[in-house]
């Protein structure tokens, strides 16, 4: 059985890179992706991920807001935050709001 992963990232290139990397291991299956958290509840209910890789900085609805929605509606889904910036405040806020960890 594989871990079902959904990717939220506004960079299509980064999403493609993550999908390529994860596809190298049969234990992981990328089930979906989105450029922001505008439809987070629908995405989770449609794709039923075990784990979400979540970019913090995205347009419209960012990762911090998406994390709050996910944890309020589907608290068992694990969320790993990703950021290209060493922003301690946003990382701390992510962990405080229920993220399982972060990737810098």
PDB file of N, CA and C in Angstrom:
ATOM      1  N   UNK A   1       0.847  -1.184   0.000  1.00  0.00           N
ATOM      2  CA  UNK A   1       0.000   0.000   0.000  1.00  0.00           C
ATOM      3  C   UNK A   1       0.888   1.242   0.000  1.00  0.00           C
ATOM      4  N   UNK A   2       0.547   2.212  -0.817  1.00  0.00           N
ATOM      5  CA  UNK A   2       1.376   3.408  -0.926  1.00  0.00           C
ATOM      6  C   UNK A   2       0.766   4.584  -0.157  1.00  0.00           C
ATOM      7  N   UNK A   3       1.624   5.540   0.184  1.00  0.00           N
ATOM      8  CA  UNK A   3       1.202   6.772   0.843  1.00  0.00           C
ATOM      9  C   UNK A   3       0.681   7.713  -0.230  1.00  0.00           C
ATOM     10  N   UNK A   4      -0.548   8.161  -0.060  1.00  0.00           N
ATOM     11  CA  UNK A   4      -1.202   9.035  -1.034  1.00  0.00           C
ATOM     12  C   UNK A   4      -0.848  10.487  -0.710  1.00  0.00           C
ATOM     13  N   UNK A   5      -0.268  11.186  -1.689  1.00  0.00           N
ATOM     14  CA  UNK A   5       0.255  12.539  -1.473  1.00  0.00           C
ATOM     15  C   UNK A   5      -0.428  13.533  -2.409  1.00  0.00           C
ATOM     16  N   UNK A   6      -0.808  14.672  -1.842  1.00  0.00           N
ATOM     17  CA  UNK A   6      -1.333  15.799  -2.617  1.00  0.00           C
ATOM     18  C   UNK A   6      -0.344  16.946  -2.459  1.00  0.00           C
ATOM     19  N   UNK A   7      -0.063  17.669  -3.550  1.00  0.00           N
ATOM     20  CA  UNK A   7       0.922  18.750  -3.535  1.00  0.00           C
ATOM     21  C   UNK A   7       0.230  20.093  -3.790  1.00  0.00           C
ATOM     22  N   UNK A   8       0.467  21.045  -2.876  1.00  0.00           N
ATOM     23  CA  UNK A   8       0.031  22.433  -3.071  1.00  0.00           C
ATOM     24  C   UNK A   8       1.278  23.283  -3.257  1.00  0.00           C
ATOM     25  N   UNK A   9       1.430  23.865  -4.436  1.00  0.00           N
ATOM     26  CA  UNK A   9       2.567  24.733  -4.720  1.00  0.00           C
ATOM     27  C   UNK A   9       2.229  25.572  -5.936  1.00  0.00           C
ATOM     28  N   UNK A  10       2.496  26.876  -5.878  1.00  0.00           N
ATOM     29  CA  UNK A  10       2.163  27.745  -7.001  1.00  0.00           C
ATOM     30  C   UNK A  10       3.142  27.617  -8.157  1.00  0.00           C
ATOM     31  N   UNK A  11       4.257  26.934  -7.954  1.00  0.00           N
ATOM     32  CA  UNK A  11       5.234  26.724  -9.023  1.00  0.00           C
ATOM     33  C   UNK A  11       4.990  25.372  -9.702  1.00  0.00           C
ATOM     34  N   UNK A  12       4.561  25.424 -10.971  1.00  0.00           N
ATOM     35  CA  UNK A  12       4.341  24.188 -11.724  1.00  0.00           C
ATOM     36  C   UNK A  12       5.639  23.392 -11.849  1.00  0.00           C
ATOM     37  N   UNK A  13       6.765  24.089 -12.020  1.00  0.00           N
ATOM     38  CA  UNK A  13       8.060  23.395 -12.125  1.00  0.00           C
ATOM     39  C   UNK A  13       8.390  22.640 -10.839  1.00  0.00           C
ATOM     40  N   UNK A  14       8.129  23.264  -9.691  1.00  0.00           N
ATOM     41  CA  UNK A  14       8.411  22.595  -8.417  1.00  0.00           C
ATOM     42  C   UNK A  14       7.466  21.412  -8.214  1.00  0.00           C
ATOM     43  N   UNK A  15       6.200  21.563  -8.578  1.00  0.00           N
ATOM     44  CA  UNK A  15       5.259  20.436  -8.485  1.00  0.00           C
ATOM     45  C   UNK A  15       5.730  19.292  -9.363  1.00  0.00           C
ATOM     46  N   UNK A  16       6.149  19.600 -10.590  1.00  0.00           N
ATOM     47  CA  UNK A  16       6.640  18.558 -11.497  1.00  0.00           C
ATOM     48  C   UNK A  16       7.884  17.876 -10.940  1.00  0.00           C
ATOM     49  N   UNK A  17       8.779  18.651 -10.344  1.00  0.00           N
ATOM     50  CA  UNK A  17       9.999  18.083  -9.752  1.00  0.00           C
ATOM     51  C   UNK A  17       9.664  17.160  -8.591  1.00  0.00           C
ATOM     52  N   UNK A  18       8.754  17.599  -7.728  1.00  0.00           N
ATOM     53  CA  UNK A  18       8.343  16.761  -6.601  1.00  0.00           C
ATOM     54  C   UNK A  18       7.684  15.473  -7.083  1.00  0.00           C
ATOM     55  N   UNK A  19       6.824  15.570  -8.086  1.00  0.00           N
ATOM     56  CA  UNK A  19       6.176  14.366  -8.633  1.00  0.00           C
ATOM     57  C   UNK A  19       7.205  13.407  -9.207  1.00  0.00           C
ATOM     58  N   UNK A  20       8.189  13.937  -9.928  1.00  0.00           N
ATOM     59  CA  UNK A  20       9.232  13.085 -10.506  1.00  0.00           C
ATOM     60  C   UNK A  20      10.041  12.401  -9.408  1.00  0.00           C
ATOM     61  N   UNK A  21      10.407  13.142  -8.384  1.00  0.00           N
ATOM     62  CA  UNK A  21      11.174  12.582  -7.273  1.00  0.00           C
ATOM     63  C   UNK A  21      10.372  11.510  -6.539  1.00  0.00           C
ATOM     64  N   UNK A  22       9.131  11.803  -6.220  1.00  0.00           N
ATOM     65  CA  UNK A  22       8.304  10.851  -5.483  1.00  0.00           C
ATOM     66  C   UNK A  22       7.973   9.607  -6.294  1.00  0.00           C
ATOM     67  N   UNK A  23       7.916   9.735  -7.616  1.00  0.00           N
ATOM     68  CA  UNK A  23       7.590   8.588  -8.466  1.00  0.00           C
ATOM     69  C   UNK A  23       8.708   7.537  -8.481  1.00  0.00           C
ATOM     70  N   UNK A  24       9.885   7.901  -7.989  1.00  0.00           N
ATOM     71  CA  UNK A  24      11.002   6.954  -7.939  1.00  0.00           C
ATOM     72  C   UNK A  24      10.828   5.902  -6.845  1.00  0.00           C
ATOM     73  N   UNK A  25       9.869   6.110  -5.959  1.00  0.00           N
ATOM     74  CA  UNK A  25       9.650   5.192  -4.849  1.00  0.00           C
ATOM     75  C   UNK A  25       8.208   4.693  -4.899  1.00  0.00           C
ATOM     76  N   UNK A  26       8.041   3.383  -5.012  1.00  0.00           N
ATOM     77  CA  UNK A  26       6.697   2.808  -5.103  1.00  0.00           C
ATOM     78  C   UNK A  26       5.862   3.012  -3.843  1.00  0.00           C
ATOM     79  N   UNK A  27       6.487   3.415  -2.754  1.00  0.00           N
ATOM     80  CA  UNK A  27       5.753   3.642  -1.500  1.00  0.00           C
ATOM     81  C   UNK A  27       4.948   4.943  -1.547  1.00  0.00           C
ATOM     82  N   UNK A  28       5.191   5.786  -2.556  1.00  0.00           N
ATOM     83  CA  UNK A  28       4.506   7.072  -2.658  1.00  0.00           C
ATOM     84  C   UNK A  28       3.679   7.139  -3.934  1.00  0.00           C
ATOM     85  N   UNK A  29       2.509   7.747  -3.833  1.00  0.00           N
ATOM     86  CA  UNK A  29       1.671   7.969  -5.010  1.00  0.00           C
ATOM     87  C   UNK A  29       1.116   9.391  -4.936  1.00  0.00           C
ATOM     88  N   UNK A  30       1.488  10.232  -5.896  1.00  0.00           N
ATOM     89  CA  UNK A  30       0.946  11.589  -5.964  1.00  0.00           C
ATOM     90  C   UNK A  30      -0.440  11.476  -6.588  1.00  0.00           C
ATOM     91  N   UNK A  31      -1.451  11.860  -5.800  1.00  0.00           N
ATOM     92  CA  UNK A  31      -2.837  11.704  -6.243  1.00  0.00           C
ATOM     93  C   UNK A  31      -3.437  12.988  -6.802  1.00  0.00           C
ATOM     94  N   UNK A  32      -2.773  14.124  -6.549  1.00  0.00           N
ATOM     95  CA  UNK A  32      -3.297  15.374  -7.065  1.00  0.00           C
ATOM     96  C   UNK A  32      -2.392  16.540  -6.735  1.00  0.00           C
ATOM     97  N   UNK A  33      -2.726  17.701  -7.309  1.00  0.00           N
ATOM     98  CA  UNK A  33      -1.923  18.905  -7.113  1.00  0.00           C
ATOM     99  C   UNK A  33      -2.770  20.136  -7.377  1.00  0.00           C
ATOM    100  N   UNK A  34      -2.334  21.254  -6.786  1.00  0.00           N
ATOM    101  CA  UNK A  34      -3.019  22.525  -7.003  1.00  0.00           C
ATOM    102  C   UNK A  34      -2.038  23.667  -6.776  1.00  0.00           C
ATOM    103  N   UNK A  35      -2.319  24.816  -7.394  1.00  0.00           N
ATOM    104  CA  UNK A  35      -1.446  25.991  -7.301  1.00  0.00           C
ATOM    105  C   UNK A  35      -1.730  26.852  -6.084  1.00  0.00           C
ATOM    106  N   UNK A  36      -2.845  26.578  -5.384  1.00  0.00           N
ATOM    107  CA  UNK A  36      -3.152  27.291  -4.135  1.00  0.00           C
ATOM    108  C   UNK A  36      -4.216  26.497  -3.380  1.00  0.00           C
ATOM    109  N   UNK A  37      -4.626  27.017  -2.240  1.00  0.00           N
ATOM    110  CA  UNK A  37      -5.546  26.295  -1.354  1.00  0.00           C
ATOM    111  C   UNK A  37      -7.002  26.740  -1.488  1.00  0.00           C
ATOM    112  N   UNK A  38      -7.349  27.266  -2.637  1.00  0.00           N
ATOM    113  CA  UNK A  38      -8.696  27.781  -2.870  1.00  0.00           C
ATOM    114  C   UNK A  38      -9.771  26.699  -2.703  1.00  0.00           C
ATOM    115  N   UNK A  39      -9.465  25.458  -3.087  1.00  0.00           N
ATOM    116  CA  UNK A  39     -10.456  24.367  -3.051  1.00  0.00           C
ATOM    117  C   UNK A  39     -10.002  23.214  -2.167  1.00  0.00           C
ATOM    118  N   UNK A  40      -9.391  23.532  -1.056  1.00  0.00           N
ATOM    119  CA  UNK A  40      -8.750  22.525  -0.216  1.00  0.00           C
ATOM    120  C   UNK A  40      -9.696  21.411   0.237  1.00  0.00           C
ATOM    121  N   UNK A  41     -10.849  21.764   0.757  1.00  0.00           N
ATOM    122  CA  UNK A  41     -11.765  20.719   1.249  1.00  0.00           C
ATOM    123  C   UNK A  41     -12.199  19.815   0.100  1.00  0.00           C
ATOM    124  N   UNK A  42     -12.548  20.405  -1.021  1.00  0.00           N
ATOM    125  CA  UNK A  42     -12.936  19.590  -2.182  1.00  0.00           C
ATOM    126  C   UNK A  42     -11.785  18.687  -2.619  1.00  0.00           C
ATOM    127  N   UNK A  43     -10.552  19.238  -2.636  1.00  0.00           N
ATOM    128  CA  UNK A  43      -9.387  18.445  -3.035  1.00  0.00           C
ATOM    129  C   UNK A  43      -9.203  17.239  -2.118  1.00  0.00           C
ATOM    130  N   UNK A  44      -9.307  17.459  -0.819  1.00  0.00           N
ATOM    131  CA  UNK A  44      -9.107  16.366   0.137  1.00  0.00           C
ATOM    132  C   UNK A  44     -10.212  15.326   0.000  1.00  0.00           C
ATOM    133  N   UNK A  45     -11.438  15.768  -0.145  1.00  0.00           N
ATOM    134  CA  UNK A  45     -12.545  14.821  -0.255  1.00  0.00           C
ATOM    135  C   UNK A  45     -12.531  14.074  -1.588  1.00  0.00           C
ATOM    136  N   UNK A  46     -11.983  14.684  -2.628  1.00  0.00           N
ATOM    137  CA  UNK A  46     -11.887  14.027  -3.929  1.00  0.00           C
ATOM    138  C   UNK A  46     -10.724  13.044  -3.986  1.00  0.00           C
ATOM    139  N   UNK A  47      -9.547  13.446  -3.469  1.00  0.00           N
ATOM    140  CA  UNK A  47      -8.324  12.652  -3.652  1.00  0.00           C
ATOM    141  C   UNK A  47      -7.913  11.848  -2.423  1.00  0.00           C
ATOM    142  N   UNK A  48      -8.503  12.127  -1.267  1.00  0.00           N
ATOM    143  CA  UNK A  48      -8.254  11.372  -0.044  1.00  0.00           C
ATOM    144  C   UNK A  48      -6.762  11.148   0.250  1.00  0.00           C
ATOM    145  N   UNK A  49      -5.976  12.214   0.347  1.00  0.00           N
ATOM    146  CA  UNK A  49      -4.535  12.032   0.595  1.00  0.00           C
ATOM    147  C   UNK A  49      -4.252  11.652   2.056  1.00  0.00           C
ATOM    148  N   UNK A  50      -3.133  10.939   2.244  1.00  0.00           N
ATOM    149  CA  UNK A  50      -2.626  10.646   3.582  1.00  0.00           C
ATOM    150  C   UNK A  50      -1.721  11.786   4.046  1.00  0.00           C
ATOM    151  N   UNK A  51      -1.065  12.409   3.073  1.00  0.00           N
ATOM    152  CA  UNK A  51      -0.053  13.425   3.337  1.00  0.00           C
ATOM    153  C   UNK A  51      -0.192  14.554   2.324  1.00  0.00           C
ATOM    154  N   UNK A  52      -0.007  15.779   2.799  1.00  0.00           N
ATOM    155  CA  UNK A  52      -0.027  16.940   1.910  1.00  0.00           C
ATOM    156  C   UNK A  52       1.317  17.640   2.022  1.00  0.00           C
ATOM    157  N   UNK A  53       1.923  17.921   0.871  1.00  0.00           N
ATOM    158  CA  UNK A  53       3.106  18.776   0.807  1.00  0.00           C
ATOM    159  C   UNK A  53       2.587  20.162   0.465  1.00  0.00           C
ATOM    160  N   UNK A  54       2.797  21.119   1.375  1.00  0.00           N
ATOM    161  CA  UNK A  54       2.152  22.423   1.277  1.00  0.00           C
ATOM    162  C   UNK A  54       3.166  23.556   1.237  1.00  0.00           C
ATOM    163  N   UNK A  55       3.188  24.292   0.138  1.00  0.00           N
ATOM    164  CA  UNK A  55       3.991  25.504   0.052  1.00  0.00           C
ATOM    165  C   UNK A  55       3.352  26.548   0.965  1.00  0.00           C
ATOM    166  N   UNK A  56       4.145  27.332   1.657  1.00  0.00           N
ATOM    167  CA  UNK A  56       3.597  28.363   2.535  1.00  0.00           C
ATOM    168  C   UNK A  56       3.113  29.564   1.737  1.00  0.00           C
ATOM    169  N   UNK A  57       3.923  30.043   0.806  1.00  0.00           N
ATOM    170  CA  UNK A  57       3.612  31.272   0.062  1.00  0.00           C
ATOM    171  C   UNK A  57       3.002  30.947  -1.298  1.00  0.00           C
ATOM    172  N   UNK A  58       1.679  31.168  -1.413  1.00  0.00           N
ATOM    173  CA  UNK A  58       0.963  30.962  -2.669  1.00  0.00           C
ATOM    174  C   UNK A  58      -0.046  32.094  -2.835  1.00  0.00           C
ATOM    175  N   UNK A  59      -0.437  32.388  -4.077  1.00  0.00           N
ATOM    176  CA  UNK A  59      -1.433  33.444  -4.303  1.00  0.00           C
ATOM    177  C   UNK A  59      -2.840  32.991  -3.898  1.00  0.00           C
ATOM    178  N   UNK A  60      -3.734  33.933  -3.782  1.00  0.00           N
ATOM    179  CA  UNK A  60      -5.147  33.738  -3.430  1.00  0.00           C
ATOM    180  C   UNK A  60      -5.310  33.181  -2.022  1.00  0.00           C
ATOM    181  N   UNK A  61      -5.123  31.879  -1.838  1.00  0.00           N
ATOM    182  CA  UNK A  61      -5.222  31.266  -0.513  1.00  0.00           C
ATOM    183  C   UNK A  61      -3.900  30.554  -0.242  1.00  0.00           C
ATOM    184  N   UNK A  62      -3.133  31.060   0.739  1.00  0.00           N
ATOM    185  CA  UNK A  62      -1.790  30.532   0.981  1.00  0.00           C
ATOM    186  C   UNK A  62      -1.801  29.274   1.854  1.00  0.00           C
ATOM    187  N   UNK A  63      -0.623  28.734   2.080  1.00  0.00           N
ATOM    188  CA  UNK A  63      -0.487  27.498   2.824  1.00  0.00           C
ATOM    189  C   UNK A  63      -0.879  27.596   4.284  1.00  0.00           C
ATOM    190  N   UNK A  64      -0.658  28.736   4.912  1.00  0.00           N
ATOM    191  CA  UNK A  64      -1.041  28.884   6.318  1.00  0.00           C
ATOM    192  C   UNK A  64      -2.561  28.818   6.469  1.00  0.00           C
ATOM    193  N   UNK A  65      -3.269  29.463   5.563  1.00  0.00           N
ATOM    194  CA  UNK A  65      -4.730  29.420   5.593  1.00  0.00           C
ATOM    195  C   UNK A  65      -5.224  28.025   5.218  1.00  0.00           C
ATOM    196  N   UNK A  66      -4.600  27.410   4.219  1.00  0.00           N
ATOM    197  CA  UNK A  66      -4.972  26.049   3.823  1.00  0.00           C
ATOM    198  C   UNK A  66      -4.774  25.052   4.948  1.00  0.00           C
ATOM    199  N   UNK A  67      -3.685  25.200   5.687  1.00  0.00           N
ATOM    200  CA  UNK A  67      -3.409  24.322   6.827  1.00  0.00           C
ATOM    201  C   UNK A  67      -4.525  24.410   7.865  1.00  0.00           C
ATOM    202  N   UNK A  68      -4.975  25.626   8.173  1.00  0.00           N
ATOM    203  CA  UNK A  68      -6.066  25.801   9.142  1.00  0.00           C
ATOM    204  C   UNK A  68      -7.332  25.078   8.687  1.00  0.00           C
ATOM    205  N   UNK A  69      -7.664  25.206   7.402  1.00  0.00           N
ATOM    206  CA  UNK A  69      -8.858  24.558   6.855  1.00  0.00           C
ATOM    207  C   UNK A  69      -8.727  23.043   6.944  1.00  0.00           C
ATOM    208  N   UNK A  70      -7.561  22.530   6.567  1.00  0.00           N
ATOM    209  CA  UNK A  70      -7.344  21.079   6.586  1.00  0.00           C
ATOM    210  C   UNK A  70      -7.457  20.532   8.001  1.00  0.00           C
ATOM    211  N   UNK A  71      -6.797  21.165   8.950  1.00  0.00           N
ATOM    212  CA  UNK A  71      -6.800  20.662  10.322  1.00  0.00           C
ATOM    213  C   UNK A  71      -8.177  20.783  10.971  1.00  0.00           C
ATOM    214  N   UNK A  72      -8.971  21.763  10.558  1.00  0.00           N
ATOM    215  CA  UNK A  72     -10.323  21.909  11.099  1.00  0.00           C
ATOM    216  C   UNK A  72     -11.274  20.861  10.527  1.00  0.00           C
ATOM    217  N   UNK A  73     -11.080  20.509   9.260  1.00  0.00           N
ATOM    218  CA  UNK A  73     -12.025  19.601   8.597  1.00  0.00           C
ATOM    219  C   UNK A  73     -11.535  18.154   8.502  1.00  0.00           C
ATOM    220  N   UNK A  74     -10.232  17.958   8.425  1.00  0.00           N
ATOM    221  CA  UNK A  74      -9.648  16.616   8.277  1.00  0.00           C
ATOM    222  C   UNK A  74      -8.374  16.516   9.123  1.00  0.00           C
ATOM    223  N   UNK A  75      -8.519  16.517  10.444  1.00  0.00           N
ATOM    224  CA  UNK A  75      -7.333  16.585  11.324  1.00  0.00           C
ATOM    225  C   UNK A  75      -6.365  15.411  11.212  1.00  0.00           C
ATOM    226  N   UNK A  76      -6.807  14.285  10.680  1.00  0.00           N
ATOM    227  CA  UNK A  76      -5.907  13.129  10.585  1.00  0.00           C
ATOM    228  C   UNK A  76      -4.937  13.213   9.401  1.00  0.00           C
ATOM    229  N   UNK A  77      -5.216  14.108   8.446  1.00  0.00           N
ATOM    230  CA  UNK A  77      -4.326  14.261   7.288  1.00  0.00           C
ATOM    231  C   UNK A  77      -3.046  14.956   7.748  1.00  0.00           C
ATOM    232  N   UNK A  78      -1.907  14.364   7.440  1.00  0.00           N
ATOM    233  CA  UNK A  78      -0.607  14.942   7.783  1.00  0.00           C
ATOM    234  C   UNK A  78      -0.245  16.009   6.758  1.00  0.00           C
ATOM    235  N   UNK A  79       0.336  17.104   7.247  1.00  0.00           N
ATOM    236  CA  UNK A  79       0.734  18.203   6.364  1.00  0.00           C
ATOM    237  C   UNK A  79       2.184  18.564   6.648  1.00  0.00           C
ATOM    238  N   UNK A  80       3.022  18.506   5.603  1.00  0.00           N
ATOM    239  CA  UNK A  80       4.406  18.977   5.682  1.00  0.00           C
ATOM    240  C   UNK A  80       4.477  20.289   4.923  1.00  0.00           C
ATOM    241  N   UNK A  81       4.885  21.339   5.608  1.00  0.00           N
ATOM    242  CA  UNK A  81       4.997  22.647   4.987  1.00  0.00           C
ATOM    243  C   UNK A  81       6.335  22.739   4.256  1.00  0.00           C
ATOM    244  N   UNK A  82       6.338  23.431   3.129  1.00  0.00           N
ATOM    245  CA  UNK A  82       7.576  23.655   2.393  1.00  0.00           C
ATOM    246  C   UNK A  82       7.732  25.144   2.146  1.00  0.00           C
ATOM    247  N   UNK A  83       8.965  25.588   2.259  1.00  0.00           N
ATOM    248  CA  UNK A  83       9.230  26.995   1.979  1.00  0.00           C
ATOM    249  C   UNK A  83      10.655  27.153   1.479  1.00  0.00           C
ATOM    250  N   UNK A  84      10.843  28.105   0.608  1.00  0.00           N
ATOM    251  CA  UNK A  84      12.185  28.412   0.100  1.00  0.00           C
ATOM    252  C   UNK A  84      12.850  29.466   0.971  1.00  0.00           C
ATOM    253  N   UNK A  85      12.093  30.013   1.930  1.00  0.00           N
ATOM    254  CA  UNK A  85      12.599  31.096   2.767  1.00  0.00           C
ATOM    255  C   UNK A  85      12.694  30.641   4.214  1.00  0.00           C
ATOM    256  N   UNK A  86      13.761  31.033   4.881  1.00  0.00           N
ATOM    257  CA  UNK A  86      13.945  30.709   6.287  1.00  0.00           C
ATOM    258  C   UNK A  86      13.198  31.744   7.123  1.00  0.00           C
ATOM    259  N   UNK A  87      11.870  31.648   7.106  1.00  0.00           N
ATOM    260  CA  UNK A  87      11.003  32.585   7.810  1.00  0.00           C
ATOM    261  C   UNK A  87      10.507  31.907   9.086  1.00  0.00           C
ATOM    262  N   UNK A  88      11.215  32.131  10.180  1.00  0.00           N
ATOM    263  CA  UNK A  88      10.934  31.449  11.440  1.00  0.00           C
ATOM    264  C   UNK A  88       9.502  31.667  11.915  1.00  0.00           C
ATOM    265  N   UNK A  89       8.973  32.864  11.731  1.00  0.00           N
ATOM    266  CA  UNK A  89       7.623  33.158  12.200  1.00  0.00           C
ATOM    267  C   UNK A  89       6.581  32.300  11.480  1.00  0.00           C
ATOM    268  N   UNK A  90       6.690  32.206  10.151  1.00  0.00           N
ATOM    269  CA  UNK A  90       5.730  31.400   9.388  1.00  0.00           C
ATOM    270  C   UNK A  90       5.905  29.913   9.695  1.00  0.00           C
ATOM    271  N   UNK A  91       7.128  29.467   9.879  1.00  0.00           N
ATOM    272  CA  UNK A  91       7.371  28.061  10.214  1.00  0.00           C
ATOM    273  C   UNK A  91       6.777  27.752  11.586  1.00  0.00           C
ATOM    274  N   UNK A  92       7.026  28.628  12.577  1.00  0.00           N
ATOM    275  CA  UNK A  92       6.475  28.435  13.910  1.00  0.00           C
ATOM    276  C   UNK A  92       4.943  28.428  13.869  1.00  0.00           C
ATOM    277  N   UNK A  93       4.352  29.352  13.119  1.00  0.00           N
ATOM    278  CA  UNK A  93       2.897  29.406  12.981  1.00  0.00           C
ATOM    279  C   UNK A  93       2.366  28.110  12.374  1.00  0.00           C
ATOM    280  N   UNK A  94       3.058  27.569  11.397  1.00  0.00           N
ATOM    281  CA  UNK A  94       2.652  26.308  10.764  1.00  0.00           C
ATOM    282  C   UNK A  94       2.618  25.167  11.774  1.00  0.00           C
ATOM    283  N   UNK A  95       3.684  25.043  12.551  1.00  0.00           N
ATOM    284  CA  UNK A  95       3.755  23.960  13.535  1.00  0.00           C
ATOM    285  C   UNK A  95       2.668  24.162  14.597  1.00  0.00           C
ATOM    286  N   UNK A  96       2.497  25.400  15.053  1.00  0.00           N
ATOM    287  CA  UNK A  96       1.479  25.719  16.060  1.00  0.00           C
ATOM    288  C   UNK A  96       0.078  25.386  15.561  1.00  0.00           C
ATOM    289  N   UNK A  97      -0.147  25.535  14.250  1.00  0.00           N
ATOM    290  CA  UNK A  97      -1.466  25.282  13.662  1.00  0.00           C
ATOM    291  C   UNK A  97      -1.665  23.844  13.205  1.00  0.00           C
ATOM    292  N   UNK A  98      -0.719  22.958  13.533  1.00  0.00           N
ATOM    293  CA  UNK A  98      -0.956  21.539  13.281  1.00  0.00           C
ATOM    294  C   UNK A  98      -0.116  20.866  12.220  1.00  0.00           C
ATOM    295  N   UNK A  99       0.810  21.579  11.585  1.00  0.00           N
ATOM    296  CA  UNK A  99       1.665  20.926  10.594  1.00  0.00           C
ATOM    297  C   UNK A  99       2.503  19.855  11.273  1.00  0.00           C
ATOM    298  N   UNK A 100       2.743  18.774  10.568  1.00  0.00           N
ATOM    299  CA  UNK A 100       3.546  17.677  11.099  1.00  0.00           C
ATOM    300  C   UNK A 100       5.039  17.991  11.032  1.00  0.00           C
ATOM    301  N   UNK A 101       5.411  18.962  10.201  1.00  0.00           N
ATOM    302  CA  UNK A 101       6.804  19.362  10.057  1.00  0.00           C
ATOM    303  C   UNK A 101       6.940  20.314   8.897  1.00  0.00           C
ATOM    304  N   UNK A 102       8.187  20.632   8.567  1.00  0.00           N
ATOM    305  CA  UNK A 102       8.424  21.520   7.441  1.00  0.00           C
ATOM    306  C   UNK A 102       9.706  21.129   6.712  1.00  0.00           C
ATOM    307  N   UNK A 103       9.775  21.499   5.458  1.00  0.00           N
ATOM    308  CA  UNK A 103      10.934  21.237   4.615  1.00  0.00           C
ATOM    309  C   UNK A 103      11.416  22.596   4.119  1.00  0.00           C
ATOM    310  N   UNK A 104      12.660  22.930   4.431  1.00  0.00           N
ATOM    311  CA  UNK A 104      13.226  24.211   4.010  1.00  0.00           C
ATOM    312  C   UNK A 104      13.914  24.045   2.676  1.00  0.00           C
TER     313      UNK A 104
END
